[in-house]
Amino acid sequence: MAITTTENGDVVGMAAINGINWAHRRAAVGYWILHRYRGQGFAKAALELLPDLARELGLLRLEALVETDNHASQAVCRAVGFTKEGTLRSYYRIGDKQRDMVMLANLLPPTN
């Protein structure tokens, strides 16, 4: 989904549920915010909406993978209910380098 300002509707970023695994009822979340809008609460506001959407889809777990040195993004995830589960070493290739990623998860109570 697009993340927009309330003032004029400018797009400042995006947030999504992706990589859905229906068999295990889990999915990943992803988001980004344009640099000039960071630190203004847009990411937190968008991520707060995703657990309800995930529950409507019947999911029980949301996962976020964040680079180990991206402390701001980890803080946003924790602020909306994600818990750090560990570090996945050399997990993603970003550019020309393998990166360690922090796995955070939000367990959702079933709706039924």
N, C-alpha and C. Protein backbone atom coordinates (compact mmCIF):
# COMPACT_ATOMS: atom_id res chain seq x y z
N MET A 1 0.84 -1.17 0.00
CA MET A 1 0.00 0.00 0.00
C MET A 1 0.88 1.23 0.00
N ALA A 2 0.38 2.28 -0.58
CA ALA A 2 1.11 3.55 -0.60
C ALA A 2 0.97 4.22 0.76
N ILE A 3 2.03 4.85 1.20
CA ILE A 3 2.00 5.65 2.42
C ILE A 3 2.00 7.11 1.94
N THR A 4 0.99 7.85 2.36
CA THR A 4 0.84 9.23 1.88
C THR A 4 0.70 10.20 3.04
N THR A 5 0.93 11.47 2.74
CA THR A 5 0.70 12.51 3.74
C THR A 5 -0.79 12.80 3.83
N THR A 6 -1.23 13.27 4.98
CA THR A 6 -2.64 13.65 5.12
C THR A 6 -2.89 15.04 4.55
N GLU A 7 -1.84 15.85 4.46
CA GLU A 7 -2.01 17.23 4.00
C GLU A 7 -2.36 17.30 2.51
N ASN A 8 -1.54 16.65 1.67
CA ASN A 8 -1.74 16.79 0.22
C ASN A 8 -1.70 15.47 -0.53
N GLY A 9 -1.60 14.37 0.19
CA GLY A 9 -1.62 13.07 -0.46
C GLY A 9 -0.33 12.67 -1.15
N ASP A 10 0.75 13.41 -0.89
CA ASP A 10 2.04 13.03 -1.48
C ASP A 10 2.44 11.64 -1.02
N VAL A 11 2.93 10.83 -1.94
CA VAL A 11 3.42 9.50 -1.59
C VAL A 11 4.78 9.65 -0.93
N VAL A 12 4.93 9.08 0.27
CA VAL A 12 6.18 9.16 1.01
C VAL A 12 6.85 7.81 1.15
N GLY A 13 6.14 6.72 0.77
CA GLY A 13 6.72 5.40 0.88
C GLY A 13 5.70 4.32 0.58
N MET A 14 6.03 3.10 1.00
CA MET A 14 5.12 1.97 0.79
C MET A 14 5.30 0.97 1.92
N ALA A 15 4.25 0.16 2.12
CA ALA A 15 4.30 -0.94 3.07
C ALA A 15 3.51 -2.09 2.47
N ALA A 16 3.95 -3.31 2.73
CA ALA A 16 3.31 -4.46 2.10
C ALA A 16 3.44 -5.70 2.96
N ILE A 17 2.48 -6.59 2.76
CA ILE A 17 2.59 -7.97 3.21
C ILE A 17 2.95 -8.77 1.97
N ASN A 18 4.02 -9.54 2.03
CA ASN A 18 4.45 -10.28 0.84
C ASN A 18 5.00 -11.65 1.26
N GLY A 19 5.36 -12.43 0.27
CA GLY A 19 5.92 -13.75 0.56
C GLY A 19 5.01 -14.61 1.40
N ILE A 20 3.72 -14.54 1.13
CA ILE A 20 2.76 -15.28 1.95
C ILE A 20 2.95 -16.79 1.77
N ASN A 21 3.04 -17.47 2.90
CA ASN A 21 3.10 -18.93 2.92
C ASN A 21 1.79 -19.40 3.54
N TRP A 22 0.84 -19.77 2.68
CA TRP A 22 -0.50 -20.13 3.16
C TRP A 22 -0.47 -21.41 4.01
N ALA A 23 0.38 -22.35 3.66
CA ALA A 23 0.43 -23.61 4.40
C ALA A 23 0.82 -23.39 5.86
N HIS A 24 1.72 -22.44 6.08
CA HIS A 24 2.20 -22.19 7.44
C HIS A 24 1.60 -20.92 8.05
N ARG A 25 0.72 -20.27 7.28
CA ARG A 25 -0.02 -19.08 7.74
C ARG A 25 0.91 -17.96 8.22
N ARG A 26 1.95 -17.71 7.42
CA ARG A 26 2.90 -16.65 7.77
C ARG A 26 3.23 -15.85 6.51
N ALA A 27 3.77 -14.64 6.74
CA ALA A 27 4.16 -13.77 5.64
C ALA A 27 5.21 -12.79 6.13
N ALA A 28 5.83 -12.15 5.17
CA ALA A 28 6.82 -11.11 5.47
C ALA A 28 6.17 -9.74 5.32
N VAL A 29 6.75 -8.77 6.00
CA VAL A 29 6.37 -7.38 5.78
C VAL A 29 7.58 -6.65 5.21
N GLY A 30 7.29 -5.67 4.43
CA GLY A 30 8.34 -4.82 3.90
C GLY A 30 7.84 -3.40 3.83
N TYR A 31 8.75 -2.46 3.94
CA TYR A 31 8.36 -1.06 3.83
C TYR A 31 9.59 -0.22 3.53
N TRP A 32 9.35 0.95 2.99
CA TRP A 32 10.39 1.95 2.83
C TRP A 32 9.75 3.32 2.88
N ILE A 33 10.54 4.29 3.30
CA ILE A 33 10.10 5.68 3.40
C ILE A 33 11.14 6.54 2.69
N LEU A 34 10.68 7.47 1.87
CA LEU A 34 11.62 8.40 1.23
C LEU A 34 12.43 9.11 2.32
N HIS A 35 13.70 9.34 2.03
CA HIS A 35 14.62 9.88 3.03
C HIS A 35 14.09 11.14 3.71
N ARG A 36 13.55 12.06 2.95
CA ARG A 36 13.13 13.35 3.54
C ARG A 36 11.94 13.22 4.48
N TYR A 37 11.26 12.07 4.47
CA TYR A 37 10.10 11.86 5.35
C TYR A 37 10.40 10.93 6.53
N ARG A 38 11.62 10.43 6.61
CA ARG A 38 11.97 9.52 7.70
C ARG A 38 11.95 10.24 9.05
N GLY A 39 11.65 9.47 10.09
CA GLY A 39 11.63 10.03 11.44
C GLY A 39 10.37 10.81 11.77
N GLN A 40 9.34 10.73 10.91
CA GLN A 40 8.10 11.48 11.13
C GLN A 40 6.92 10.58 11.48
N GLY A 41 7.18 9.28 11.71
CA GLY A 41 6.14 8.37 12.14
C GLY A 41 5.37 7.67 11.03
N PHE A 42 5.75 7.91 9.76
CA PHE A 42 5.02 7.28 8.66
C PHE A 42 5.16 5.76 8.66
N ALA A 43 6.36 5.26 8.89
CA ALA A 43 6.58 3.81 8.88
C ALA A 43 5.79 3.15 10.00
N LYS A 44 5.85 3.71 11.18
CA LYS A 44 5.13 3.15 12.32
C LYS A 44 3.63 3.12 12.05
N ALA A 45 3.09 4.21 11.55
CA ALA A 45 1.65 4.27 11.26
C ALA A 45 1.24 3.22 10.24
N ALA A 46 2.05 3.02 9.22
CA ALA A 46 1.73 2.03 8.18
C ALA A 46 1.84 0.61 8.73
N LEU A 47 2.92 0.33 9.47
CA LEU A 47 3.10 -1.02 10.01
C LEU A 47 2.04 -1.39 11.03
N GLU A 48 1.48 -0.40 11.71
CA GLU A 48 0.41 -0.68 12.67
C GLU A 48 -0.83 -1.24 11.99
N LEU A 49 -1.02 -0.97 10.70
CA LEU A 49 -2.19 -1.45 9.96
C LEU A 49 -2.03 -2.90 9.50
N LEU A 50 -0.80 -3.36 9.34
CA LEU A 50 -0.58 -4.66 8.72
C LEU A 50 -1.04 -5.86 9.54
N PRO A 51 -0.90 -5.87 10.87
CA PRO A 51 -1.39 -7.03 11.62
C PRO A 51 -2.89 -7.28 11.45
N ASP A 52 -3.70 -6.23 11.43
CA ASP A 52 -5.14 -6.42 11.23
C ASP A 52 -5.42 -7.00 9.85
N LEU A 53 -4.73 -6.50 8.84
CA LEU A 53 -4.89 -7.04 7.49
C LEU A 53 -4.47 -8.50 7.45
N ALA A 54 -3.35 -8.81 8.11
CA ALA A 54 -2.86 -10.19 8.14
C ALA A 54 -3.87 -11.11 8.82
N ARG A 55 -4.47 -10.65 9.91
CA ARG A 55 -5.49 -11.46 10.59
C ARG A 55 -6.67 -11.72 9.67
N GLU A 56 -7.10 -10.70 8.93
CA GLU A 56 -8.21 -10.88 7.98
C GLU A 56 -7.87 -11.93 6.93
N LEU A 57 -6.59 -12.05 6.59
CA LEU A 57 -6.15 -13.05 5.62
C LEU A 57 -5.99 -14.43 6.25
N GLY A 58 -6.12 -14.52 7.58
CA GLY A 58 -5.98 -15.79 8.27
C GLY A 58 -4.54 -16.12 8.63
N LEU A 59 -3.66 -15.13 8.58
CA LEU A 59 -2.26 -15.36 8.93
C LEU A 59 -2.06 -15.34 10.43
N LEU A 60 -1.03 -16.07 10.88
CA LEU A 60 -0.73 -16.15 12.31
C LEU A 60 0.62 -15.54 12.68
N ARG A 61 1.43 -15.23 11.66
CA ARG A 61 2.78 -14.75 11.93
C ARG A 61 3.20 -13.79 10.82
N LEU A 62 3.74 -12.64 11.24
CA LEU A 62 4.38 -11.71 10.32
C LEU A 62 5.86 -11.64 10.66
N GLU A 63 6.69 -11.61 9.63
CA GLU A 63 8.14 -11.55 9.82
C GLU A 63 8.71 -10.31 9.14
N ALA A 64 9.70 -9.73 9.77
CA ALA A 64 10.44 -8.61 9.19
C ALA A 64 11.93 -8.94 9.24
N LEU A 65 12.60 -8.78 8.12
CA LEU A 65 14.05 -8.94 8.05
C LEU A 65 14.66 -7.56 7.87
N VAL A 66 15.56 -7.21 8.79
CA VAL A 66 16.14 -5.86 8.81
C VAL A 66 17.66 -6.00 8.92
N GLU A 67 18.38 -5.19 8.16
CA GLU A 67 19.84 -5.23 8.27
C GLU A 67 20.25 -4.95 9.72
N THR A 68 21.32 -5.62 10.14
CA THR A 68 21.75 -5.54 11.54
C THR A 68 22.09 -4.12 11.98
N ASP A 69 22.56 -3.29 11.06
CA ASP A 69 22.93 -1.92 11.44
C ASP A 69 21.80 -0.91 11.24
N ASN A 70 20.61 -1.37 10.84
CA ASN A 70 19.47 -0.47 10.66
C ASN A 70 18.64 -0.45 11.95
N HIS A 71 19.17 0.25 12.94
CA HIS A 71 18.56 0.29 14.26
C HIS A 71 17.22 1.03 14.25
N ALA A 72 17.09 2.03 13.38
CA ALA A 72 15.82 2.77 13.31
C ALA A 72 14.69 1.85 12.84
N SER A 73 14.94 1.06 11.83
CA SER A 73 13.91 0.15 11.33
C SER A 73 13.59 -0.93 12.34
N GLN A 74 14.59 -1.43 13.03
CA GLN A 74 14.34 -2.42 14.09
C GLN A 74 13.47 -1.81 15.19
N ALA A 75 13.73 -0.54 15.53
CA ALA A 75 12.94 0.14 16.57
C ALA A 75 11.49 0.31 16.13
N VAL A 76 11.27 0.62 14.86
CA VAL A 76 9.90 0.75 14.35
C VAL A 76 9.18 -0.59 14.48
N CYS A 77 9.84 -1.65 14.08
CA CYS A 77 9.22 -2.98 14.18
C CYS A 77 8.87 -3.32 15.62
N ARG A 78 9.81 -3.08 16.54
CA ARG A 78 9.54 -3.37 17.95
C ARG A 78 8.38 -2.52 18.49
N ALA A 79 8.29 -1.27 18.04
CA ALA A 79 7.25 -0.36 18.51
C ALA A 79 5.85 -0.82 18.12
N VAL A 80 5.73 -1.65 17.09
CA VAL A 80 4.41 -2.12 16.66
C VAL A 80 4.19 -3.60 17.00
N GLY A 81 5.01 -4.16 17.88
CA GLY A 81 4.76 -5.49 18.39
C GLY A 81 5.64 -6.62 17.88
N PHE A 82 6.63 -6.30 17.07
CA PHE A 82 7.55 -7.34 16.60
C PHE A 82 8.60 -7.59 17.67
N THR A 83 9.03 -8.84 17.78
CA THR A 83 10.06 -9.25 18.74
C THR A 83 11.25 -9.79 17.97
N LYS A 84 12.45 -9.38 18.39
CA LYS A 84 13.66 -9.91 17.75
C LYS A 84 13.81 -11.38 18.10
N GLU A 85 14.02 -12.19 17.06
CA GLU A 85 14.21 -13.62 17.26
C GLU A 85 15.65 -14.06 17.06
N GLY A 86 16.42 -13.29 16.33
CA GLY A 86 17.81 -13.66 16.13
C GLY A 86 18.39 -13.00 14.90
N THR A 87 19.65 -13.34 14.63
CA THR A 87 20.37 -12.81 13.47
C THR A 87 20.64 -13.93 12.49
N LEU A 88 20.29 -13.70 11.24
CA LEU A 88 20.54 -14.66 10.17
C LEU A 88 21.81 -14.20 9.46
N ARG A 89 22.87 -14.94 9.63
CA ARG A 89 24.18 -14.54 9.12
C ARG A 89 24.26 -14.74 7.61
N SER A 90 24.82 -13.74 6.94
CA SER A 90 25.05 -13.78 5.49
C SER A 90 23.78 -14.19 4.74
N TYR A 91 22.64 -13.60 5.11
CA TYR A 91 21.35 -14.06 4.64
C TYR A 91 20.93 -13.45 3.30
N TYR A 92 21.20 -12.18 3.10
CA TYR A 92 20.80 -11.49 1.86
C TYR A 92 22.00 -10.89 1.16
N ARG A 93 21.96 -10.91 -0.14
CA ARG A 93 22.96 -10.20 -0.92
C ARG A 93 22.35 -8.86 -1.30
N ILE A 94 22.97 -7.80 -0.84
CA ILE A 94 22.53 -6.44 -1.14
C ILE A 94 23.70 -5.74 -1.82
N GLY A 95 23.46 -5.35 -3.07
CA GLY A 95 24.56 -4.82 -3.86
C GLY A 95 25.55 -5.93 -4.12
N ASP A 96 26.80 -5.71 -3.76
CA ASP A 96 27.83 -6.72 -3.99
C ASP A 96 28.30 -7.38 -2.70
N LYS A 97 27.48 -7.30 -1.65
CA LYS A 97 27.91 -7.81 -0.35
C LYS A 97 26.82 -8.65 0.30
N GLN A 98 27.22 -9.77 0.89
CA GLN A 98 26.30 -10.56 1.71
C GLN A 98 26.07 -9.82 3.03
N ARG A 99 24.83 -9.77 3.48
CA ARG A 99 24.48 -9.02 4.68
C ARG A 99 23.85 -9.92 5.72
N ASP A 100 24.17 -9.66 6.98
CA ASP A 100 23.47 -10.27 8.09
C ASP A 100 22.14 -9.55 8.26
N MET A 101 21.10 -10.31 8.63
CA MET A 101 19.78 -9.73 8.81
C MET A 101 19.22 -10.13 10.17
N VAL A 102 18.54 -9.20 10.82
CA VAL A 102 17.84 -9.48 12.06
C VAL A 102 16.43 -9.95 11.70
N MET A 103 16.01 -11.06 12.28
CA MET A 103 14.64 -11.56 12.11
C MET A 103 13.81 -11.08 13.28
N LEU A 104 12.73 -10.36 12.97
CA LEU A 104 11.76 -9.96 13.97
C LEU A 104 10.42 -10.56 13.56
N ALA A 105 9.60 -10.94 14.54
CA ALA A 105 8.31 -11.54 14.22
C ALA A 105 7.22 -10.99 15.13
N ASN A 106 6.01 -10.98 14.58
CA ASN A 106 4.83 -10.59 15.33
C ASN A 106 3.85 -11.76 15.22
N LEU A 107 3.57 -12.40 16.35
CA LEU A 107 2.64 -13.53 16.38
C LEU A 107 1.23 -12.99 16.57
N LEU A 108 0.33 -13.41 15.69
CA LEU A 108 -1.04 -12.91 15.68
C LEU A 108 -1.99 -13.96 16.21
N PRO A 109 -2.83 -13.59 17.16
CA PRO A 109 -3.79 -14.57 17.66
C PRO A 109 -4.79 -14.93 16.56
N PRO A 110 -5.21 -16.18 16.47
CA PRO A 110 -6.18 -16.56 15.44
C PRO A 110 -7.51 -15.86 15.67
N THR A 111 -8.21 -15.58 14.57
CA THR A 111 -9.51 -14.91 14.67
C THR A 111 -10.64 -15.87 14.92
N ASN A 112 -10.43 -17.17 14.71
CA ASN A 112 -11.53 -18.13 14.90
C ASN A 112 -11.42 -18.87 16.21
